[in-house]
Amino acid sequence: MKELKAIDPVSLGKMLAIINAVIGFIAGIFASFGFASAFAMVGIPAAMGILAIIIFPIVFAIMGLIMGIIVAFIYNIIAKRFGGVMIDL
């Protein structure tokens, strides 16, 4: 078992940005169906729902990047004081 003493904030941020972008794409697909139905009821073209497929991954990726950096920064402070997570490499 090895102790994870520190995490590079930018590295974790990039990884979470990519993961969240994939999740955002999937969420965007589902949201586009709902948006298309809702917009059709009020007379807005259904194609507006397709914007969710573009916007959701971008927003999710930005949030993942920011949260990854924050979480790694907090983890590094706590791990320095109390010890890190034990992992088997």
PDB file of N, CA and C in Angstrom:
ATOM      1  N   MET A   1       0.842  -1.183   0.000  1.00  0.00           N
ATOM      2  CA  MET A   1       0.000   0.000   0.000  1.00  0.00           C
ATOM      3  C   MET A   1       0.887   1.246   0.000  1.00  0.00           C
ATOM      4  N   LYS A   2       0.493   2.197  -0.780  1.00  0.00           N
ATOM      5  CA  LYS A   2       1.211   3.472  -0.870  1.00  0.00           C
ATOM      6  C   LYS A   2       0.267   4.596  -0.475  1.00  0.00           C
ATOM      7  N   GLU A   3       0.846   5.673   0.038  1.00  0.00           N
ATOM      8  CA  GLU A   3       0.043   6.826   0.450  1.00  0.00           C
ATOM      9  C   GLU A   3       0.043   7.861  -0.664  1.00  0.00           C
ATOM     10  N   LEU A   4      -1.151   8.316  -1.029  1.00  0.00           N
ATOM     11  CA  LEU A   4      -1.290   9.390  -2.007  1.00  0.00           C
ATOM     12  C   LEU A   4      -1.131  10.698  -1.253  1.00  0.00           C
ATOM     13  N   LYS A   5       0.044  11.296  -1.359  1.00  0.00           N
ATOM     14  CA  LYS A   5       0.375  12.465  -0.558  1.00  0.00           C
ATOM     15  C   LYS A   5      -0.108  13.775  -1.175  1.00  0.00           C
ATOM     16  N   ALA A   6      -0.162  13.848  -2.502  1.00  0.00           N
ATOM     17  CA  ALA A   6      -0.570  15.091  -3.164  1.00  0.00           C
ATOM     18  C   ALA A   6      -1.124  14.775  -4.548  1.00  0.00           C
ATOM     19  N   ILE A   7      -1.972  15.652  -5.027  1.00  0.00           N
ATOM     20  CA  ILE A   7      -2.567  15.541  -6.359  1.00  0.00           C
ATOM     21  C   ILE A   7      -2.266  16.845  -7.101  1.00  0.00           C
ATOM     22  N   ASP A   8      -1.807  16.722  -8.343  1.00  0.00           N
ATOM     23  CA  ASP A   8      -1.572  17.916  -9.159  1.00  0.00           C
ATOM     24  C   ASP A   8      -2.928  18.517  -9.525  1.00  0.00           C
ATOM     25  N   PRO A   9      -3.214  19.738  -9.091  1.00  0.00           N
ATOM     26  CA  PRO A   9      -4.530  20.331  -9.331  1.00  0.00           C
ATOM     27  C   PRO A   9      -4.904  20.451 -10.814  1.00  0.00           C
ATOM     28  N   VAL A  10      -3.959  20.829 -11.657  1.00  0.00           N
ATOM     29  CA  VAL A  10      -4.266  20.986 -13.084  1.00  0.00           C
ATOM     30  C   VAL A  10      -4.552  19.626 -13.725  1.00  0.00           C
ATOM     31  N   SER A  11      -3.802  18.615 -13.325  1.00  0.00           N
ATOM     32  CA  SER A  11      -4.007  17.272 -13.858  1.00  0.00           C
ATOM     33  C   SER A  11      -5.403  16.752 -13.496  1.00  0.00           C
ATOM     34  N   LEU A  12      -5.791  16.884 -12.237  1.00  0.00           N
ATOM     35  CA  LEU A  12      -7.120  16.448 -11.826  1.00  0.00           C
ATOM     36  C   LEU A  12      -8.188  17.293 -12.502  1.00  0.00           C
ATOM     37  N   GLY A  13      -7.933  18.588 -12.630  1.00  0.00           N
ATOM     38  CA  GLY A  13      -8.889  19.470 -13.300  1.00  0.00           C
ATOM     39  C   GLY A  13      -9.132  19.049 -14.739  1.00  0.00           C
ATOM     40  N   LYS A  14      -8.063  18.729 -15.474  1.00  0.00           N
ATOM     41  CA  LYS A  14      -8.212  18.302 -16.868  1.00  0.00           C
ATOM     42  C   LYS A  14      -8.980  16.990 -16.962  1.00  0.00           C
ATOM     43  N   MET A  15      -8.666  16.049 -16.068  1.00  0.00           N
ATOM     44  CA  MET A  15      -9.342  14.752 -16.095  1.00  0.00           C
ATOM     45  C   MET A  15     -10.832  14.914 -15.810  1.00  0.00           C
ATOM     46  N   LEU A  16     -11.172  15.702 -14.798  1.00  0.00           N
ATOM     47  CA  LEU A  16     -12.586  15.914 -14.482  1.00  0.00           C
ATOM     48  C   LEU A  16     -13.289  16.717 -15.571  1.00  0.00           C
ATOM     49  N   ALA A  17     -12.579  17.597 -16.253  1.00  0.00           N
ATOM     50  CA  ALA A  17     -13.177  18.350 -17.355  1.00  0.00           C
ATOM     51  C   ALA A  17     -13.588  17.396 -18.478  1.00  0.00           C
ATOM     52  N   ILE A  18     -12.730  16.449 -18.798  1.00  0.00           N
ATOM     53  CA  ILE A  18     -13.043  15.484 -19.858  1.00  0.00           C
ATOM     54  C   ILE A  18     -14.199  14.576 -19.447  1.00  0.00           C
ATOM     55  N   ILE A  19     -14.153  14.067 -18.217  1.00  0.00           N
ATOM     56  CA  ILE A  19     -15.232  13.198 -17.736  1.00  0.00           C
ATOM     57  C   ILE A  19     -16.554  13.948 -17.720  1.00  0.00           C
ATOM     58  N   ASN A  20     -16.544  15.167 -17.211  1.00  0.00           N
ATOM     59  CA  ASN A  20     -17.773  15.956 -17.143  1.00  0.00           C
ATOM     60  C   ASN A  20     -18.273  16.348 -18.533  1.00  0.00           C
ATOM     61  N   ALA A  21     -17.388  16.557 -19.493  1.00  0.00           N
ATOM     62  CA  ALA A  21     -17.815  16.870 -20.855  1.00  0.00           C
ATOM     63  C   ALA A  21     -18.589  15.695 -21.457  1.00  0.00           C
ATOM     64  N   VAL A  22     -18.119  14.480 -21.210  1.00  0.00           N
ATOM     65  CA  VAL A  22     -18.830  13.288 -21.696  1.00  0.00           C
ATOM     66  C   VAL A  22     -20.198  13.191 -21.028  1.00  0.00           C
ATOM     67  N   ILE A  23     -20.237  13.388 -19.717  1.00  0.00           N
ATOM     68  CA  ILE A  23     -21.505  13.352 -18.994  1.00  0.00           C
ATOM     69  C   ILE A  23     -22.421  14.478 -19.486  1.00  0.00           C
ATOM     70  N   GLY A  24     -21.860  15.648 -19.742  1.00  0.00           N
ATOM     71  CA  GLY A  24     -22.636  16.775 -20.257  1.00  0.00           C
ATOM     72  C   GLY A  24     -23.214  16.496 -21.624  1.00  0.00           C
ATOM     73  N   PHE A  25     -22.463  15.787 -22.467  1.00  0.00           N
ATOM     74  CA  PHE A  25     -22.972  15.423 -23.792  1.00  0.00           C
ATOM     75  C   PHE A  25     -24.177  14.502 -23.667  1.00  0.00           C
ATOM     76  N   ILE A  26     -24.058  13.506 -22.794  1.00  0.00           N
ATOM     77  CA  ILE A  26     -25.172  12.576 -22.583  1.00  0.00           C
ATOM     78  C   ILE A  26     -26.377  13.315 -22.001  1.00  0.00           C
ATOM     79  N   ALA A  27     -26.141  14.173 -21.019  1.00  0.00           N
ATOM     80  CA  ALA A  27     -27.226  14.965 -20.430  1.00  0.00           C
ATOM     81  C   ALA A  27     -27.839  15.901 -21.468  1.00  0.00           C
ATOM     82  N   GLY A  28     -27.003  16.440 -22.341  1.00  0.00           N
ATOM     83  CA  GLY A  28     -27.490  17.326 -23.394  1.00  0.00           C
ATOM     84  C   GLY A  28     -28.413  16.629 -24.365  1.00  0.00           C
ATOM     85  N   ILE A  29     -28.109  15.373 -24.660  1.00  0.00           N
ATOM     86  CA  ILE A  29     -28.983  14.597 -25.548  1.00  0.00           C
ATOM     87  C   ILE A  29     -30.359  14.443 -24.916  1.00  0.00           C
ATOM     88  N   PHE A  30     -30.385  14.047 -23.649  1.00  0.00           N
ATOM     89  CA  PHE A  30     -31.671  13.882 -22.974  1.00  0.00           C
ATOM     90  C   PHE A  30     -32.402  15.219 -22.826  1.00  0.00           C
ATOM     91  N   ALA A  31     -31.669  16.264 -22.503  1.00  0.00           N
ATOM     92  CA  ALA A  31     -32.280  17.581 -22.321  1.00  0.00           C
ATOM     93  C   ALA A  31     -32.833  18.113 -23.641  1.00  0.00           C
ATOM     94  N   SER A  32     -32.161  17.796 -24.737  1.00  0.00           N
ATOM     95  CA  SER A  32     -32.628  18.309 -26.024  1.00  0.00           C
ATOM     96  C   SER A  32     -34.015  17.780 -26.370  1.00  0.00           C
ATOM     97  N   PHE A  33     -34.304  16.551 -25.966  1.00  0.00           N
ATOM     98  CA  PHE A  33     -35.649  16.018 -26.200  1.00  0.00           C
ATOM     99  C   PHE A  33     -36.687  16.813 -25.415  1.00  0.00           C
ATOM    100  N   GLY A  34     -36.370  17.097 -24.169  1.00  0.00           N
ATOM    101  CA  GLY A  34     -37.292  17.881 -23.340  1.00  0.00           C
ATOM    102  C   GLY A  34     -37.436  19.303 -23.823  1.00  0.00           C
ATOM    103  N   PHE A  35     -36.307  19.914 -24.201  1.00  0.00           N
ATOM    104  CA  PHE A  35     -36.358  21.285 -24.699  1.00  0.00           C
ATOM    105  C   PHE A  35     -37.124  21.362 -26.007  1.00  0.00           C
ATOM    106  N   ALA A  36     -36.905  20.390 -26.887  1.00  0.00           N
ATOM    107  CA  ALA A  36     -37.586  20.396 -28.178  1.00  0.00           C
ATOM    108  C   ALA A  36     -39.093  20.318 -27.985  1.00  0.00           C
ATOM    109  N   SER A  37     -39.520  19.471 -27.059  1.00  0.00           N
ATOM    110  CA  SER A  37     -40.958  19.345 -26.790  1.00  0.00           C
ATOM    111  C   SER A  37     -41.519  20.628 -26.186  1.00  0.00           C
ATOM    112  N   ALA A  38     -40.818  21.191 -25.222  1.00  0.00           N
ATOM    113  CA  ALA A  38     -41.295  22.408 -24.560  1.00  0.00           C
ATOM    114  C   ALA A  38     -41.316  23.586 -25.519  1.00  0.00           C
ATOM    115  N   PHE A  39     -40.269  23.714 -26.336  1.00  0.00           N
ATOM    116  CA  PHE A  39     -40.219  24.835 -27.277  1.00  0.00           C
ATOM    117  C   PHE A  39     -41.286  24.707 -28.354  1.00  0.00           C
ATOM    118  N   ALA A  40     -41.569  23.475 -28.779  1.00  0.00           N
ATOM    119  CA  ALA A  40     -42.596  23.268 -29.802  1.00  0.00           C
ATOM    120  C   ALA A  40     -43.961  23.719 -29.300  1.00  0.00           C
ATOM    121  N   MET A  41     -44.206  23.571 -28.008  1.00  0.00           N
ATOM    122  CA  MET A  41     -45.496  23.965 -27.437  1.00  0.00           C
ATOM    123  C   MET A  41     -45.702  25.475 -27.480  1.00  0.00           C
ATOM    124  N   VAL A  42     -44.617  26.236 -27.393  1.00  0.00           N
ATOM    125  CA  VAL A  42     -44.748  27.693 -27.381  1.00  0.00           C
ATOM    126  C   VAL A  42     -44.384  28.324 -28.725  1.00  0.00           C
ATOM    127  N   GLY A  43     -44.139  27.510 -29.734  1.00  0.00           N
ATOM    128  CA  GLY A  43     -43.906  28.019 -31.075  1.00  0.00           C
ATOM    129  C   GLY A  43     -42.476  28.330 -31.434  1.00  0.00           C
ATOM    130  N   ILE A  44     -41.516  27.997 -30.578  1.00  0.00           N
ATOM    131  CA  ILE A  44     -40.094  28.202 -30.888  1.00  0.00           C
ATOM    132  C   ILE A  44     -39.624  26.965 -31.653  1.00  0.00           C
ATOM    133  N   PRO A  45     -38.813  27.127 -32.679  1.00  0.00           N
ATOM    134  CA  PRO A  45     -38.368  25.957 -33.457  1.00  0.00           C
ATOM    135  C   PRO A  45     -37.729  24.884 -32.580  1.00  0.00           C
ATOM    136  N   ALA A  46     -38.033  23.642 -32.881  1.00  0.00           N
ATOM    137  CA  ALA A  46     -37.530  22.512 -32.095  1.00  0.00           C
ATOM    138  C   ALA A  46     -36.016  22.391 -32.170  1.00  0.00           C
ATOM    139  N   ALA A  47     -35.403  22.961 -33.193  1.00  0.00           N
ATOM    140  CA  ALA A  47     -33.951  22.889 -33.335  1.00  0.00           C
ATOM    141  C   ALA A  47     -33.226  23.584 -32.183  1.00  0.00           C
ATOM    142  N   MET A  48     -33.913  24.442 -31.460  1.00  0.00           N
ATOM    143  CA  MET A  48     -33.294  25.110 -30.312  1.00  0.00           C
ATOM    144  C   MET A  48     -32.856  24.090 -29.263  1.00  0.00           C
ATOM    145  N   GLY A  49     -33.548  22.960 -29.174  1.00  0.00           N
ATOM    146  CA  GLY A  49     -33.170  21.916 -28.226  1.00  0.00           C
ATOM    147  C   GLY A  49     -31.806  21.331 -28.524  1.00  0.00           C
ATOM    148  N   ILE A  50     -31.383  21.408 -29.773  1.00  0.00           N
ATOM    149  CA  ILE A  50     -30.080  20.869 -30.160  1.00  0.00           C
ATOM    150  C   ILE A  50     -28.943  21.674 -29.522  1.00  0.00           C
ATOM    151  N   LEU A  51     -29.195  22.910 -29.187  1.00  0.00           N
ATOM    152  CA  LEU A  51     -28.159  23.719 -28.517  1.00  0.00           C
ATOM    153  C   LEU A  51     -27.707  23.087 -27.206  1.00  0.00           C
ATOM    154  N   ALA A  52     -28.593  22.340 -26.557  1.00  0.00           N
ATOM    155  CA  ALA A  52     -28.225  21.682 -25.303  1.00  0.00           C
ATOM    156  C   ALA A  52     -27.084  20.698 -25.522  1.00  0.00           C
ATOM    157  N   ILE A  53     -27.066  20.049 -26.679  1.00  0.00           N
ATOM    158  CA  ILE A  53     -26.014  19.072 -26.978  1.00  0.00           C
ATOM    159  C   ILE A  53     -24.664  19.776 -27.122  1.00  0.00           C
ATOM    160  N   ILE A  54     -24.684  21.042 -27.483  1.00  0.00           N
ATOM    161  CA  ILE A  54     -23.446  21.808 -27.633  1.00  0.00           C
ATOM    162  C   ILE A  54     -23.068  22.520 -26.334  1.00  0.00           C
ATOM    163  N   ILE A  55     -24.042  23.113 -25.674  1.00  0.00           N
ATOM    164  CA  ILE A  55     -23.772  23.943 -24.496  1.00  0.00           C
ATOM    165  C   ILE A  55     -23.480  23.108 -23.249  1.00  0.00           C
ATOM    166  N   PHE A  56     -24.240  22.032 -23.025  1.00  0.00           N
ATOM    167  CA  PHE A  56     -24.057  21.229 -21.811  1.00  0.00           C
ATOM    168  C   PHE A  56     -22.622  20.714 -21.663  1.00  0.00           C
ATOM    169  N   PRO A  57     -22.010  20.084 -22.683  1.00  0.00           N
ATOM    170  CA  PRO A  57     -20.636  19.592 -22.489  1.00  0.00           C
ATOM    171  C   PRO A  57     -19.643  20.710 -22.172  1.00  0.00           C
ATOM    172  N   ILE A  58     -19.828  21.873 -22.769  1.00  0.00           N
ATOM    173  CA  ILE A  58     -18.917  22.991 -22.514  1.00  0.00           C
ATOM    174  C   ILE A  58     -19.043  23.458 -21.070  1.00  0.00           C
ATOM    175  N   VAL A  59     -20.271  23.653 -20.614  1.00  0.00           N
ATOM    176  CA  VAL A  59     -20.503  24.108 -19.235  1.00  0.00           C
ATOM    177  C   VAL A  59     -20.035  23.054 -18.240  1.00  0.00           C
ATOM    178  N   PHE A  60     -20.362  21.794 -18.503  1.00  0.00           N
ATOM    179  CA  PHE A  60     -19.941  20.719 -17.597  1.00  0.00           C
ATOM    180  C   PHE A  60     -18.423  20.625 -17.540  1.00  0.00           C
ATOM    181  N   ALA A  61     -17.739  20.781 -18.673  1.00  0.00           N
ATOM    182  CA  ALA A  61     -16.280  20.698 -18.692  1.00  0.00           C
ATOM    183  C   ALA A  61     -15.654  21.843 -17.893  1.00  0.00           C
ATOM    184  N   ILE A  62     -16.186  23.039 -18.048  1.00  0.00           N
ATOM    185  CA  ILE A  62     -15.675  24.182 -17.281  1.00  0.00           C
ATOM    186  C   ILE A  62     -15.868  23.947 -15.786  1.00  0.00           C
ATOM    187  N   MET A  63     -17.047  23.463 -15.408  1.00  0.00           N
ATOM    188  CA  MET A  63     -17.301  23.178 -13.987  1.00  0.00           C
ATOM    189  C   MET A  63     -16.371  22.078 -13.479  1.00  0.00           C
ATOM    190  N   GLY A  64     -16.120  21.046 -14.298  1.00  0.00           N
ATOM    191  CA  GLY A  64     -15.217  19.971 -13.901  1.00  0.00           C
ATOM    192  C   GLY A  64     -13.800  20.457 -13.700  1.00  0.00           C
ATOM    193  N   LEU A  65     -13.342  21.326 -14.586  1.00  0.00           N
ATOM    194  CA  LEU A  65     -11.999  21.883 -14.457  1.00  0.00           C
ATOM    195  C   LEU A  65     -11.857  22.677 -13.166  1.00  0.00           C
ATOM    196  N   ILE A  66     -12.805  23.545 -12.913  1.00  0.00           N
ATOM    197  CA  ILE A  66     -12.755  24.374 -11.701  1.00  0.00           C
ATOM    198  C   ILE A  66     -12.849  23.512 -10.447  1.00  0.00           C
ATOM    199  N   MET A  67     -13.788  22.578 -10.435  1.00  0.00           N
ATOM    200  CA  MET A  67     -13.958  21.730  -9.246  1.00  0.00           C
ATOM    201  C   MET A  67     -12.752  20.814  -9.033  1.00  0.00           C
ATOM    202  N   GLY A  68     -12.157  20.311 -10.107  1.00  0.00           N
ATOM    203  CA  GLY A  68     -10.970  19.470  -9.973  1.00  0.00           C
ATOM    204  C   GLY A  68      -9.816  20.212  -9.335  1.00  0.00           C
ATOM    205  N   ILE A  69      -9.615  21.451  -9.755  1.00  0.00           N
ATOM    206  CA  ILE A  69      -8.537  22.260  -9.181  1.00  0.00           C
ATOM    207  C   ILE A  69      -8.809  22.543  -7.707  1.00  0.00           C
ATOM    208  N   ILE A  70     -10.047  22.878  -7.379  1.00  0.00           N
ATOM    209  CA  ILE A  70     -10.406  23.179  -5.988  1.00  0.00           C
ATOM    210  C   ILE A  70     -10.263  21.947  -5.111  1.00  0.00           C
ATOM    211  N   VAL A  71     -10.781  20.809  -5.584  1.00  0.00           N
ATOM    212  CA  VAL A  71     -10.721  19.568  -4.786  1.00  0.00           C
ATOM    213  C   VAL A  71      -9.275  19.141  -4.560  1.00  0.00           C
ATOM    214  N   ALA A  72      -8.439  19.202  -5.593  1.00  0.00           N
ATOM    215  CA  ALA A  72      -7.032  18.813  -5.429  1.00  0.00           C
ATOM    216  C   ALA A  72      -6.316  19.744  -4.456  1.00  0.00           C
ATOM    217  N   PHE A  73      -6.604  21.032  -4.540  1.00  0.00           N
ATOM    218  CA  PHE A  73      -5.994  21.997  -3.631  1.00  0.00           C
ATOM    219  C   PHE A  73      -6.378  21.679  -2.180  1.00  0.00           C
ATOM    220  N   ILE A  74      -7.659  21.428  -1.937  1.00  0.00           N
ATOM    221  CA  ILE A  74      -8.128  21.102  -0.580  1.00  0.00           C
ATOM    222  C   ILE A  74      -7.551  19.763  -0.123  1.00  0.00           C
ATOM    223  N   TYR A  75      -7.525  18.768  -1.028  1.00  0.00           N
ATOM    224  CA  TYR A  75      -6.955  17.463  -0.673  1.00  0.00           C
ATOM    225  C   TYR A  75      -5.500  17.610  -0.243  1.00  0.00           C
ATOM    226  N   ASN A  76      -4.739  18.386  -0.994  1.00  0.00           N
ATOM    227  CA  ASN A  76      -3.315  18.553  -0.667  1.00  0.00           C
ATOM    228  C   ASN A  76      -3.118  19.177   0.709  1.00  0.00           C
ATOM    229  N   ILE A  77      -3.951  20.114   1.074  1.00  0.00           N
ATOM    230  CA  ILE A  77      -3.856  20.736   2.402  1.00  0.00           C
ATOM    231  C   ILE A  77      -4.187  19.707   3.485  1.00  0.00           C
ATOM    232  N   ILE A  78      -5.272  18.972   3.296  1.00  0.00           N
ATOM    233  CA  ILE A  78      -5.700  17.995   4.298  1.00  0.00           C
ATOM    234  C   ILE A  78      -4.722  16.833   4.384  1.00  0.00           C
ATOM    235  N   ALA A  79      -4.236  16.342   3.232  1.00  0.00           N
ATOM    236  CA  ALA A  79      -3.301  15.210   3.232  1.00  0.00           C
ATOM    237  C   ALA A  79      -1.990  15.572   3.914  1.00  0.00           C
ATOM    238  N   LYS A  80      -1.582  16.822   3.796  1.00  0.00           N
ATOM    239  CA  LYS A  80      -0.348  17.263   4.442  1.00  0.00           C
ATOM    240  C   LYS A  80      -0.488  17.220   5.967  1.00  0.00           C
ATOM    241  N   ARG A  81      -1.661  17.559   6.464  1.00  0.00           N
ATOM    242  CA  ARG A  81      -1.886  17.595   7.909  1.00  0.00           C
ATOM    243  C   ARG A  81      -2.222  16.236   8.508  1.00  0.00           C
ATOM    244  N   PHE A  82      -3.090  15.480   7.827  1.00  0.00           N
ATOM    245  CA  PHE A  82      -3.623  14.245   8.418  1.00  0.00           C
ATOM    246  C   PHE A  82      -3.180  12.969   7.715  1.00  0.00           C
ATOM    247  N   GLY A  83      -2.494  13.081   6.631  1.00  0.00           N
ATOM    248  CA  GLY A  83      -2.086  11.894   5.869  1.00  0.00           C
ATOM    249  C   GLY A  83      -3.028  11.681   4.707  1.00  0.00           C
ATOM    250  N   GLY A  84      -2.495  11.071   3.656  1.00  0.00           N
ATOM    251  CA  GLY A  84      -3.274  10.869   2.440  1.00  0.00           C
ATOM    252  C   GLY A  84      -4.007   9.553   2.413  1.00  0.00           C
ATOM    253  N   VAL A  85      -4.661   9.302   1.315  1.00  0.00           N
ATOM    254  CA  VAL A  85      -5.413   8.080   1.080  1.00  0.00           C
ATOM    255  C   VAL A  85      -4.418   6.960   0.769  1.00  0.00           C
ATOM    256  N   MET A  86      -4.644   5.788   1.328  1.00  0.00           N
ATOM    257  CA  MET A  86      -3.809   4.640   1.064  1.00  0.00           C
ATOM    258  C   MET A  86      -4.340   3.913  -0.166  1.00  0.00           C
ATOM    259  N   ILE A  87      -3.445   3.699  -1.167  1.00  0.00           N
ATOM    260  CA  ILE A  87      -3.847   2.997  -2.388  1.00  0.00           C
ATOM    261  C   ILE A  87      -2.852   1.876  -2.689  1.00  0.00           C
ATOM    262  N   ASP A  88      -3.322   0.880  -3.416  1.00  0.00           N
ATOM    263  CA  ASP A  88      -2.472  -0.230  -3.812  1.00  0.00           C
ATOM    264  C   ASP A  88      -2.117  -0.030  -5.281  1.00  0.00           C
ATOM    265  N   LEU A  89      -0.847   0.185  -5.550  1.00  0.00           N
ATOM    266  CA  LEU A  89      -0.407   0.427  -6.951  1.00  0.00           C
ATOM    267  C   LEU A  89       0.015  -0.842  -7.606  1.00  0.00           C
TER     268      LEU A  89
END
